[in-house]
PDB file of N, CA and C in Angstrom:
ATOM      1  N   MET A   1     218.346  45.186  98.609  1.00  0.00           N
ATOM      2  CA  MET A   1     217.469  44.103  98.233  1.00  0.00           C
ATOM      3  C   MET A   1     216.226  44.069  99.123  1.00  0.00           C
ATOM      4  N   LEU A   2     216.408  44.394 100.398  1.00  0.00           N
ATOM      5  CA  LEU A   2     215.258  44.422 101.305  1.00  0.00           C
ATOM      6  C   LEU A   2     214.273  45.524 100.918  1.00  0.00           C
ATOM      7  N   ASP A   3     214.794  46.606 100.357  1.00  0.00           N
ATOM      8  CA  ASP A   3     213.916  47.685  99.925  1.00  0.00           C
ATOM      9  C   ASP A   3     212.991  47.234  98.801  1.00  0.00           C
ATOM     10  N   VAL A   4     213.493  46.428  97.890  1.00  0.00           N
ATOM     11  CA  VAL A   4     212.682  45.939  96.778  1.00  0.00           C
ATOM     12  C   VAL A   4     211.543  45.073  97.300  1.00  0.00           C
ATOM     13  N   HIS A   5     211.842  44.213  98.244  1.00  0.00           N
ATOM     14  CA  HIS A   5     210.802  43.356  98.805  1.00  0.00           C
ATOM     15  C   HIS A   5     209.757  44.173  99.557  1.00  0.00           C
ATOM     16  N   ALA A   6     210.198  45.194 100.271  1.00  0.00           N
ATOM     17  CA  ALA A   6     209.258  46.039 100.998  1.00  0.00           C
ATOM     18  C   ALA A   6     208.349  46.799 100.045  1.00  0.00           C
ATOM     19  N   ILE A   7     208.903  47.300  98.960  1.00  0.00           N
ATOM     20  CA  ILE A   7     208.099  48.041  97.981  1.00  0.00           C
ATOM     21  C   ILE A   7     207.118  47.107  97.287  1.00  0.00           C
ATOM     22  N   LEU A   8     207.572  45.909  96.925  1.00  0.00           N
ATOM     23  CA  LEU A   8     206.673  44.946  96.289  1.00  0.00           C
ATOM     24  C   LEU A   8     205.553  44.529  97.232  1.00  0.00           C
ATOM     25  N   LEU A   9     205.875  44.328  98.496  1.00  0.00           N
ATOM     26  CA  LEU A   9     204.852  43.955  99.467  1.00  0.00           C
ATOM     27  C   LEU A   9     203.849  45.077  99.656  1.00  0.00           C
ATOM     28  N   LEU A  10     204.319  46.293  99.763  1.00  0.00           N
ATOM     29  CA  LEU A  10     203.428  47.437  99.917  1.00  0.00           C
ATOM     30  C   LEU A  10     202.527  47.604  98.699  1.00  0.00           C
ATOM     31  N   THR A  11     203.085  47.443  97.520  1.00  0.00           N
ATOM     32  CA  THR A  11     202.303  47.538  96.290  1.00  0.00           C
ATOM     33  C   THR A  11     201.245  46.446  96.225  1.00  0.00           C
ATOM     34  N   LEU A  12     201.618  45.254  96.586  1.00  0.00           N
ATOM     35  CA  LEU A  12     200.679  44.138  96.576  1.00  0.00           C
ATOM     36  C   LEU A  12     199.547  44.346  97.574  1.00  0.00           C
ATOM     37  N   VAL A  13     199.878  44.803  98.770  1.00  0.00           N
ATOM     38  CA  VAL A  13     198.848  45.045  99.790  1.00  0.00           C
ATOM     39  C   VAL A  13     197.890  46.144  99.341  1.00  0.00           C
ATOM     40  N   CYS A  14     198.408  47.228  98.800  1.00  0.00           N
ATOM     41  CA  CYS A  14     197.552  48.320  98.331  1.00  0.00           C
ATOM     42  C   CYS A  14     196.656  47.876  97.183  1.00  0.00           C
ATOM     43  N   THR A  15     197.208  47.094  96.259  1.00  0.00           N
ATOM     44  CA  THR A  15     196.423  46.612  95.126  1.00  0.00           C
ATOM     45  C   THR A  15     195.297  45.708  95.582  1.00  0.00           C
ATOM     46  N   ILE A  16     195.603  44.787  96.461  1.00  0.00           N
ATOM     47  CA  ILE A  16     194.573  43.864  96.955  1.00  0.00           C
ATOM     48  C   ILE A  16     193.532  44.606  97.778  1.00  0.00           C
ATOM     49  N   ALA A  17     193.968  45.514  98.650  1.00  0.00           N
ATOM     50  CA  ALA A  17     193.021  46.244  99.490  1.00  0.00           C
ATOM     51  C   ALA A  17     192.085  47.109  98.653  1.00  0.00           C
ATOM     52  N   ALA A  18     192.617  47.808  97.686  1.00  0.00           N
ATOM     53  CA  ALA A  18     191.778  48.650  96.836  1.00  0.00           C
ATOM     54  C   ALA A  18     190.852  47.806  95.972  1.00  0.00           C
ATOM     55  N   GLY A  19     191.358  46.692  95.474  1.00  0.00           N
ATOM     56  CA  GLY A  19     190.547  45.828  94.625  1.00  0.00           C
ATOM     57  C   GLY A  19     189.412  45.164  95.372  1.00  0.00           C
ATOM     58  N   VAL A  20     189.687  44.681  96.571  1.00  0.00           N
ATOM     59  CA  VAL A  20     188.650  44.030  97.373  1.00  0.00           C
ATOM     60  C   VAL A  20     187.584  45.035  97.756  1.00  0.00           C
ATOM     61  N   LEU A  21     187.990  46.223  98.146  1.00  0.00           N
ATOM     62  CA  LEU A  21     187.017  47.257  98.495  1.00  0.00           C
ATOM     63  C   LEU A  21     186.174  47.639  97.289  1.00  0.00           C
ATOM     64  N   MET A  22     186.793  47.769  96.148  1.00  0.00           N
ATOM     65  CA  MET A  22     186.060  48.121  94.932  1.00  0.00           C
ATOM     66  C   MET A  22     185.024  47.052  94.592  1.00  0.00           C
ATOM     67  N   VAL A  23     185.414  45.796  94.693  1.00  0.00           N
ATOM     68  CA  VAL A  23     184.495  44.714  94.372  1.00  0.00           C
ATOM     69  C   VAL A  23     183.378  44.630  95.403  1.00  0.00           C
ATOM     70  N   ALA A  24     183.688  44.882  96.657  1.00  0.00           N
ATOM     71  CA  ALA A  24     182.691  44.744  97.722  1.00  0.00           C
ATOM     72  C   ALA A  24     181.598  45.803  97.648  1.00  0.00           C
ATOM     73  N   VAL A  25     181.923  47.003  97.191  1.00  0.00           N
ATOM     74  CA  VAL A  25     180.937  48.081  97.239  1.00  0.00           C
ATOM     75  C   VAL A  25     180.254  48.350  95.899  1.00  0.00           C
ATOM     76  N   THR A  26     180.642  47.670  94.860  1.00  0.00           N
ATOM     77  CA  THR A  26     180.022  47.926  93.566  1.00  0.00           C
ATOM     78  C   THR A  26     178.717  47.169  93.414  1.00  0.00           C
ATOM     79  N   PHE A  27     178.008  47.516  92.407  1.00  0.00           N
ATOM     80  CA  PHE A  27     176.758  46.842  92.071  1.00  0.00           C
ATOM     81  C   PHE A  27     177.061  45.365  91.821  1.00  0.00           C
ATOM     82  N   PRO A  28     176.234  44.453  92.338  1.00  0.00           N
ATOM     83  CA  PRO A  28     176.564  43.020  92.223  1.00  0.00           C
ATOM     84  C   PRO A  28     176.843  42.531  90.806  1.00  0.00           C
ATOM     85  N   ALA A  29     176.158  43.058  89.814  1.00  0.00           N
ATOM     86  CA  ALA A  29     176.415  42.606  88.444  1.00  0.00           C
ATOM     87  C   ALA A  29     177.788  43.047  87.960  1.00  0.00           C
ATOM     88  N   ALA A  30     178.301  44.132  88.502  1.00  0.00           N
ATOM     89  CA  ALA A  30     179.615  44.633  88.088  1.00  0.00           C
ATOM     90  C   ALA A  30     180.749  43.919  88.809  1.00  0.00           C
ATOM     91  N   ARG A  31     180.440  43.131  89.833  1.00  0.00           N
ATOM     92  CA  ARG A  31     181.488  42.460  90.596  1.00  0.00           C
ATOM     93  C   ARG A  31     182.310  41.516  89.731  1.00  0.00           C
ATOM     94  N   TYR A  32     181.670  40.837  88.821  1.00  0.00           N
ATOM     95  CA  TYR A  32     182.402  39.882  87.994  1.00  0.00           C
ATOM     96  C   TYR A  32     183.381  40.604  87.074  1.00  0.00           C
ATOM     97  N   LEU A  33     182.963  41.724  86.530  1.00  0.00           N
ATOM     98  CA  LEU A  33     183.859  42.509  85.675  1.00  0.00           C
ATOM     99  C   LEU A  33     184.962  43.156  86.497  1.00  0.00           C
ATOM    100  N   ALA A  34     184.608  43.652  87.674  1.00  0.00           N
ATOM    101  CA  ALA A  34     185.594  44.324  88.508  1.00  0.00           C
ATOM    102  C   ALA A  34     186.602  43.332  89.075  1.00  0.00           C
ATOM    103  N   SER A  35     186.155  42.132  89.373  1.00  0.00           N
ATOM    104  CA  SER A  35     187.097  41.152  89.914  1.00  0.00           C
ATOM    105  C   SER A  35     188.135  40.750  88.871  1.00  0.00           C
ATOM    106  N   ALA A  36     187.785  40.827  87.611  1.00  0.00           N
ATOM    107  CA  ALA A  36     188.777  40.566  86.564  1.00  0.00           C
ATOM    108  C   ALA A  36     189.851  41.644  86.588  1.00  0.00           C
ATOM    109  N   GLY A  37     189.478  42.865  86.977  1.00  0.00           N
ATOM    110  CA  GLY A  37     190.445  43.951  87.087  1.00  0.00           C
ATOM    111  C   GLY A  37     191.463  43.740  88.190  1.00  0.00           C
ATOM    112  N   LEU A  38     191.136  42.896  89.153  1.00  0.00           N
ATOM    113  CA  LEU A  38     192.097  42.606  90.215  1.00  0.00           C
ATOM    114  C   LEU A  38     193.307  41.850  89.680  1.00  0.00           C
ATOM    115  N   LEU A  39     193.095  41.071  88.637  1.00  0.00           N
ATOM    116  CA  LEU A  39     194.183  40.265  88.110  1.00  0.00           C
ATOM    117  C   LEU A  39     195.069  41.037  87.129  1.00  0.00           C
ATOM    118  N   LEU A  40     194.634  42.210  86.692  1.00  0.00           N
ATOM    119  CA  LEU A  40     195.439  42.977  85.737  1.00  0.00           C
ATOM    120  C   LEU A  40     196.810  43.364  86.296  1.00  0.00           C
ATOM    121  N   PRO A  41     196.913  43.819  87.549  1.00  0.00           N
ATOM    122  CA  PRO A  41     198.249  44.155  88.069  1.00  0.00           C
ATOM    123  C   PRO A  41     199.072  42.937  88.448  1.00  0.00           C
ATOM    124  N   ALA A  42     198.495  41.752  88.402  1.00  0.00           N
ATOM    125  CA  ALA A  42     199.209  40.568  88.875  1.00  0.00           C
ATOM    126  C   ALA A  42     200.436  40.254  88.024  1.00  0.00           C
ATOM    127  N   LEU A  43     200.340  40.384  86.722  1.00  0.00           N
ATOM    128  CA  LEU A  43     201.473  40.051  85.866  1.00  0.00           C
ATOM    129  C   LEU A  43     202.664  40.991  86.076  1.00  0.00           C
ATOM    130  N   PRO A  44     202.477  42.316  86.085  1.00  0.00           N
ATOM    131  CA  PRO A  44     203.646  43.176  86.352  1.00  0.00           C
ATOM    132  C   PRO A  44     204.239  42.958  87.739  1.00  0.00           C
ATOM    133  N   ILE A  45     203.397  42.690  88.728  1.00  0.00           N
ATOM    134  CA  ILE A  45     203.909  42.445  90.075  1.00  0.00           C
ATOM    135  C   ILE A  45     204.713  41.148  90.090  1.00  0.00           C
ATOM    136  N   TYR A  46     204.200  40.126  89.429  1.00  0.00           N
ATOM    137  CA  TYR A  46     204.914  38.851  89.369  1.00  0.00           C
ATOM    138  C   TYR A  46     206.254  39.008  88.644  1.00  0.00           C
ATOM    139  N   LEU A  47     206.248  39.718  87.536  1.00  0.00           N
ATOM    140  CA  LEU A  47     207.492  39.915  86.788  1.00  0.00           C
ATOM    141  C   LEU A  47     208.508  40.733  87.581  1.00  0.00           C
ATOM    142  N   ALA A  48     208.034  41.763  88.269  1.00  0.00           N
ATOM    143  CA  ALA A  48     208.939  42.580  89.081  1.00  0.00           C
ATOM    144  C   ALA A  48     209.512  41.756  90.229  1.00  0.00           C
ATOM    145  N   ARG A  49     208.684  40.922  90.823  1.00  0.00           N
ATOM    146  CA  ARG A  49     209.145  40.073  91.928  1.00  0.00           C
ATOM    147  C   ARG A  49     210.167  39.058  91.430  1.00  0.00           C
ATOM    148  N   SER A  50     209.885  38.427  90.317  1.00  0.00           N
ATOM    149  CA  SER A  50     210.835  37.431  89.807  1.00  0.00           C
ATOM    150  C   SER A  50     212.138  38.092  89.357  1.00  0.00           C
ATOM    151  N   PHE A  51     212.036  39.295  88.806  1.00  0.00           N
ATOM    152  CA  PHE A  51     213.237  40.023  88.420  1.00  0.00           C
ATOM    153  C   PHE A  51     214.054  40.391  89.647  1.00  0.00           C
ATOM    154  N   ALA A  52     213.373  40.809  90.712  1.00  0.00           N
ATOM    155  CA  ALA A  52     214.077  41.218  91.922  1.00  0.00           C
ATOM    156  C   ALA A  52     214.743  40.019  92.612  1.00  0.00           C
ATOM    157  N   LEU A  53     214.106  38.860  92.547  1.00  0.00           N
ATOM    158  CA  LEU A  53     214.658  37.685  93.194  1.00  0.00           C
ATOM    159  C   LEU A  53     215.845  37.102  92.441  1.00  0.00           C
ATOM    160  N   LYS A  54     215.931  37.357  91.138  1.00  0.00           N
ATOM    161  CA  LYS A  54     217.042  36.840  90.353  1.00  0.00           C
ATOM    162  C   LYS A  54     218.309  37.656  90.544  1.00  0.00           C
ATOM    163  N   ARG A  55     218.195  38.847  91.050  1.00  0.00           N
ATOM    164  CA  ARG A  55     219.361  39.708  91.234  1.00  0.00           C
ATOM    165  C   ARG A  55     220.132  39.352  92.463  1.00  0.00           C
TER     166      ARG A  55
END
């Protein structure tokens, strides 16, 4: 069970770090579109986390 939490945490950190960097270095007009892309992985991560916590 601890392995699942570690993998989810690592995935979340990598997703946020890559997303923030992408938004920070892109053209300012593209930031709004790119920031929407940060939320795309949120649903699978949330579902995986809730599934892991129910076990």
